[in-house]
Amino acid sequence: MSKNNISESEWLVMEVLWDSAPQTSQEVTQALRSEKNWADNTVRTLLTRLVKKGALTAKENSSGVRIFLPRVSREACIEAESESFMERLFGGAAKPLLVHFAKNSNLSSRDVEELKRLLDESVKRDSDDLEQNNDNI
């Protein structure tokens, strides 16, 4: 599946299937009924697009009914979407993204401490990688 190609509507369908798969198009429609009042044809169109994009697999069950299963994990899609977002809005640079959110978000002191810990881990990981590369030279 290529990055940056799942629409907001398709994401809702993926969420249903990540939560419980396999499912038929009718089951997906029913699961989305409270959130969206989409016709089964709309859901089938979204499912077909997701199969073409490589995000889903379609198979026939023992009754001959088409069922859908995710081919990609939620985490892989989140990573791809995050990278796409950072590339589009911040030229791929993490620092301006972090500065923007730090200035424009209501972060609790606990959130700030967690971010500091994650940044410290990132710095340590980079330092360890650099040291390992120097040892290999």
C-alpha atoms as a PDB file:
ATOM      1  CA  MET A   1       0.000   0.000   0.000  1.00  0.00           C
ATOM      2  CA  SER A   2       1.388   3.376  -0.890  1.00  0.00           C
ATOM      3  CA  LYS A   3       1.612   6.090   1.713  1.00  0.00           C
ATOM      4  CA  ASN A   4      -0.863   8.924   2.023  1.00  0.00           C
ATOM      5  CA  ASN A   5      -3.763   7.406   0.197  1.00  0.00           C
ATOM      6  CA  ILE A   6      -6.472   6.497   2.699  1.00  0.00           C
ATOM      7  CA  SER A   7      -9.269   9.038   2.751  1.00  0.00           C
ATOM      8  CA  GLU A   8     -11.152   9.990   5.893  1.00  0.00           C
ATOM      9  CA  SER A   9     -14.126   7.830   4.862  1.00  0.00           C
ATOM     10  CA  GLU A  10     -11.865   4.886   4.070  1.00  0.00           C
ATOM     11  CA  TRP A  11     -10.178   5.323   7.450  1.00  0.00           C
ATOM     12  CA  LEU A  12     -13.569   4.815   9.162  1.00  0.00           C
ATOM     13  CA  VAL A  13     -14.034   1.559   7.259  1.00  0.00           C
ATOM     14  CA  MET A  14     -10.519   0.437   8.206  1.00  0.00           C
ATOM     15  CA  GLU A  15     -11.236   1.185  11.884  1.00  0.00           C
ATOM     16  CA  VAL A  16     -14.236  -1.156  11.776  1.00  0.00           C
ATOM     17  CA  LEU A  17     -12.142  -3.933  10.267  1.00  0.00           C
ATOM     18  CA  TRP A  18      -9.179  -3.368  12.575  1.00  0.00           C
ATOM     19  CA  ASP A  19     -11.566  -3.740  15.496  1.00  0.00           C
ATOM     20  CA  SER A  20     -13.147  -6.932  14.175  1.00  0.00           C
ATOM     21  CA  ALA A  21     -12.331  -8.888  11.032  1.00  0.00           C
ATOM     22  CA  PRO A  22     -13.300 -10.547   8.815  1.00  0.00           C
ATOM     23  CA  GLN A  23     -16.580  -8.831   8.004  1.00  0.00           C
ATOM     24  CA  THR A  24     -18.946  -8.597   5.051  1.00  0.00           C
ATOM     25  CA  SER A  25     -19.847  -5.250   3.498  1.00  0.00           C
ATOM     26  CA  GLN A  26     -23.242  -5.454   5.205  1.00  0.00           C
ATOM     27  CA  GLU A  27     -21.563  -5.992   8.591  1.00  0.00           C
ATOM     28  CA  VAL A  28     -19.295  -2.997   7.999  1.00  0.00           C
ATOM     29  CA  THR A  29     -22.327  -0.906   6.980  1.00  0.00           C
ATOM     30  CA  GLN A  30     -24.144  -1.953  10.146  1.00  0.00           C
ATOM     31  CA  ALA A  31     -21.111  -1.141  12.308  1.00  0.00           C
ATOM     32  CA  LEU A  32     -20.963   2.364  10.813  1.00  0.00           C
ATOM     33  CA  ARG A  33     -24.737   2.945  10.919  1.00  0.00           C
ATOM     34  CA  SER A  34     -24.688   4.960  14.179  1.00  0.00           C
ATOM     35  CA  GLU A  35     -21.807   7.155  12.972  1.00  0.00           C
ATOM     36  CA  LYS A  36     -22.639   7.404   9.271  1.00  0.00           C
ATOM     37  CA  ASN A  37     -25.871   6.639   7.504  1.00  0.00           C
ATOM     38  CA  TRP A  38     -24.148   5.212   4.437  1.00  0.00           C
ATOM     39  CA  ALA A  39     -25.887   2.898   2.018  1.00  0.00           C
ATOM     40  CA  ASP A  40     -24.386  -0.552   1.518  1.00  0.00           C
ATOM     41  CA  ASN A  41     -23.312   0.551  -2.009  1.00  0.00           C
ATOM     42  CA  THR A  42     -21.244   3.371  -0.510  1.00  0.00           C
ATOM     43  CA  VAL A  43     -19.503   0.975   1.863  1.00  0.00           C
ATOM     44  CA  ARG A  44     -18.919  -1.526  -0.953  1.00  0.00           C
ATOM     45  CA  THR A  45     -17.311   1.247  -3.024  1.00  0.00           C
ATOM     46  CA  LEU A  46     -15.021   2.171  -0.124  1.00  0.00           C
ATOM     47  CA  LEU A  47     -14.145  -1.496   0.448  1.00  0.00           C
ATOM     48  CA  THR A  48     -13.344  -1.963  -3.252  1.00  0.00           C
ATOM     49  CA  ARG A  49     -11.076   1.099  -3.218  1.00  0.00           C
ATOM     50  CA  LEU A  50      -9.275  -0.202  -0.134  1.00  0.00           C
ATOM     51  CA  VAL A  51      -8.745  -3.595  -1.804  1.00  0.00           C
ATOM     52  CA  LYS A  52      -7.316  -1.852  -4.910  1.00  0.00           C
ATOM     53  CA  LYS A  53      -5.016   0.208  -2.666  1.00  0.00           C
ATOM     54  CA  GLY A  54      -3.756  -2.944  -0.974  1.00  0.00           C
ATOM     55  CA  ALA A  55      -5.120  -2.041   2.461  1.00  0.00           C
ATOM     56  CA  LEU A  56      -7.675  -4.884   2.494  1.00  0.00           C
ATOM     57  CA  THR A  57      -7.965  -8.440   1.253  1.00  0.00           C
ATOM     58  CA  ALA A  58     -11.287  -9.750  -0.076  1.00  0.00           C
ATOM     59  CA  LYS A  59     -12.119 -13.452   0.066  1.00  0.00           C
ATOM     60  CA  GLU A  60     -15.228 -15.564  -0.269  1.00  0.00           C
ATOM     61  CA  ASN A  61     -16.298 -17.393   2.856  1.00  0.00           C
ATOM     62  CA  SER A  62     -17.741 -20.925   2.844  1.00  0.00           C
ATOM     63  CA  SER A  63     -21.182 -19.504   1.967  1.00  0.00           C
ATOM     64  CA  GLY A  64     -19.800 -17.665  -1.062  1.00  0.00           C
ATOM     65  CA  VAL A  65     -20.175 -14.260   0.612  1.00  0.00           C
ATOM     66  CA  ARG A  66     -17.337 -11.788   0.136  1.00  0.00           C
ATOM     67  CA  ILE A  67     -15.506 -10.955   3.378  1.00  0.00           C
ATOM     68  CA  PHE A  68     -12.859  -8.329   4.027  1.00  0.00           C
ATOM     69  CA  LEU A  69      -9.718  -8.414   6.166  1.00  0.00           C
ATOM     70  CA  PRO A  70      -7.047  -5.748   6.763  1.00  0.00           C
ATOM     71  CA  ARG A  71      -3.723  -6.309   4.984  1.00  0.00           C
ATOM     72  CA  VAL A  72      -2.043  -3.477   6.861  1.00  0.00           C
ATOM     73  CA  SER A  73      -1.975  -2.745  10.564  1.00  0.00           C
ATOM     74  CA  ARG A  74      -3.440   0.337  12.192  1.00  0.00           C
ATOM     75  CA  GLU A  75       0.075   1.205  13.401  1.00  0.00           C
ATOM     76  CA  ALA A  76       1.532   1.068   9.876  1.00  0.00           C
ATOM     77  CA  CYS A  77      -1.227   3.362   8.595  1.00  0.00           C
ATOM     78  CA  ILE A  78      -0.764   5.780  11.477  1.00  0.00           C
ATOM     79  CA  GLU A  79       2.970   5.896  10.777  1.00  0.00           C
ATOM     80  CA  ALA A  80       2.384   6.543   7.056  1.00  0.00           C
ATOM     81  CA  GLU A  81      -0.236   9.221   7.776  1.00  0.00           C
ATOM     82  CA  SER A  82       2.045  10.889  10.335  1.00  0.00           C
ATOM     83  CA  GLU A  83       4.950  10.983   7.903  1.00  0.00           C
ATOM     84  CA  SER A  84       2.703  12.381   5.172  1.00  0.00           C
ATOM     85  CA  PHE A  85       1.317  15.033   7.520  1.00  0.00           C
ATOM     86  CA  MET A  86       4.789  16.079   8.670  1.00  0.00           C
ATOM     87  CA  GLU A  87       6.047  16.183   5.068  1.00  0.00           C
ATOM     88  CA  ARG A  88       3.097  18.237   3.769  1.00  0.00           C
ATOM     89  CA  LEU A  89       2.952  20.769   6.590  1.00  0.00           C
ATOM     90  CA  PHE A  90       6.521  20.931   7.894  1.00  0.00           C
ATOM     91  CA  GLY A  91       8.705  19.784   4.995  1.00  0.00           C
ATOM     92  CA  GLY A  92       9.414  16.522   6.793  1.00  0.00           C
ATOM     93  CA  ALA A  93      11.121  18.235   9.724  1.00  0.00           C
ATOM     94  CA  ALA A  94      10.088  17.124  13.204  1.00  0.00           C
ATOM     95  CA  LYS A  95      11.316  20.195  15.080  1.00  0.00           C
ATOM     96  CA  PRO A  96       8.833  22.716  13.581  1.00  0.00           C
ATOM     97  CA  LEU A  97       6.047  20.200  14.135  1.00  0.00           C
ATOM     98  CA  LEU A  98       6.951  19.757  17.798  1.00  0.00           C
ATOM     99  CA  VAL A  99       7.384  23.504  18.312  1.00  0.00           C
ATOM    100  CA  HIS A 100       3.989  24.163  16.734  1.00  0.00           C
ATOM    101  CA  PHE A 101       2.220  21.668  18.977  1.00  0.00           C
ATOM    102  CA  ALA A 102       4.092  22.782  22.069  1.00  0.00           C
ATOM    103  CA  LYS A 103       3.056  26.406  21.469  1.00  0.00           C
ATOM    104  CA  ASN A 104      -0.520  25.685  20.392  1.00  0.00           C
ATOM    105  CA  SER A 105      -1.597  22.813  22.605  1.00  0.00           C
ATOM    106  CA  ASN A 106      -2.723  22.733  26.197  1.00  0.00           C
ATOM    107  CA  LEU A 107      -0.141  20.269  27.422  1.00  0.00           C
ATOM    108  CA  SER A 108      -0.320  19.181  31.031  1.00  0.00           C
ATOM    109  CA  SER A 109       2.864  18.968  33.066  1.00  0.00           C
ATOM    110  CA  ARG A 110       2.517  15.181  32.796  1.00  0.00           C
ATOM    111  CA  ASP A 111       2.349  15.468  28.987  1.00  0.00           C
ATOM    112  CA  VAL A 112       5.473  17.659  28.994  1.00  0.00           C
ATOM    113  CA  GLU A 113       7.360  15.158  31.160  1.00  0.00           C
ATOM    114  CA  GLU A 114       6.358  12.299  28.863  1.00  0.00           C
ATOM    115  CA  LEU A 115       7.517  14.267  25.796  1.00  0.00           C
ATOM    116  CA  LYS A 116      10.833  15.056  27.509  1.00  0.00           C
ATOM    117  CA  ARG A 117      11.311  11.371  28.289  1.00  0.00           C
ATOM    118  CA  LEU A 118      10.571  10.398  24.670  1.00  0.00           C
ATOM    119  CA  LEU A 119      12.965  13.048  23.336  1.00  0.00           C
ATOM    120  CA  ASP A 120      15.688  11.892  25.737  1.00  0.00           C
ATOM    121  CA  GLU A 121      15.197   8.309  24.509  1.00  0.00           C
ATOM    122  CA  SER A 122      15.448   9.498  20.913  1.00  0.00           C
ATOM    123  CA  VAL A 123      18.693  11.358  21.621  1.00  0.00           C
ATOM    124  CA  LYS A 124      20.142   8.316  23.396  1.00  0.00           C
ATOM    125  CA  ARG A 125      19.106   6.033  20.508  1.00  0.00           C
ATOM    126  CA  ASP A 126      20.765   8.394  17.994  1.00  0.00           C
ATOM    127  CA  SER A 127      23.901   8.541  20.139  1.00  0.00           C
ATOM    128  CA  ASP A 128      24.027   4.751  20.438  1.00  0.00           C
ATOM    129  CA  ASP A 129      23.563   4.379  16.657  1.00  0.00           C
ATOM    130  CA  LEU A 130      26.364   6.865  15.972  1.00  0.00           C
ATOM    131  CA  GLU A 131      28.679   5.078  18.393  1.00  0.00           C
ATOM    132  CA  GLN A 132      27.886   1.711  16.795  1.00  0.00           C
ATOM    133  CA  ASN A 133      28.554   3.111  13.315  1.00  0.00           C
ATOM    134  CA  ASN A 134      31.905   4.514  14.459  1.00  0.00           C
ATOM    135  CA  ASP A 135      32.844   1.116  15.897  1.00  0.00           C
ATOM    136  CA  ASN A 136      32.129  -0.507  12.529  1.00  0.00           C
ATOM    137  CA  ILE A 137      34.467   1.834  10.632  1.00  0.00           C
END
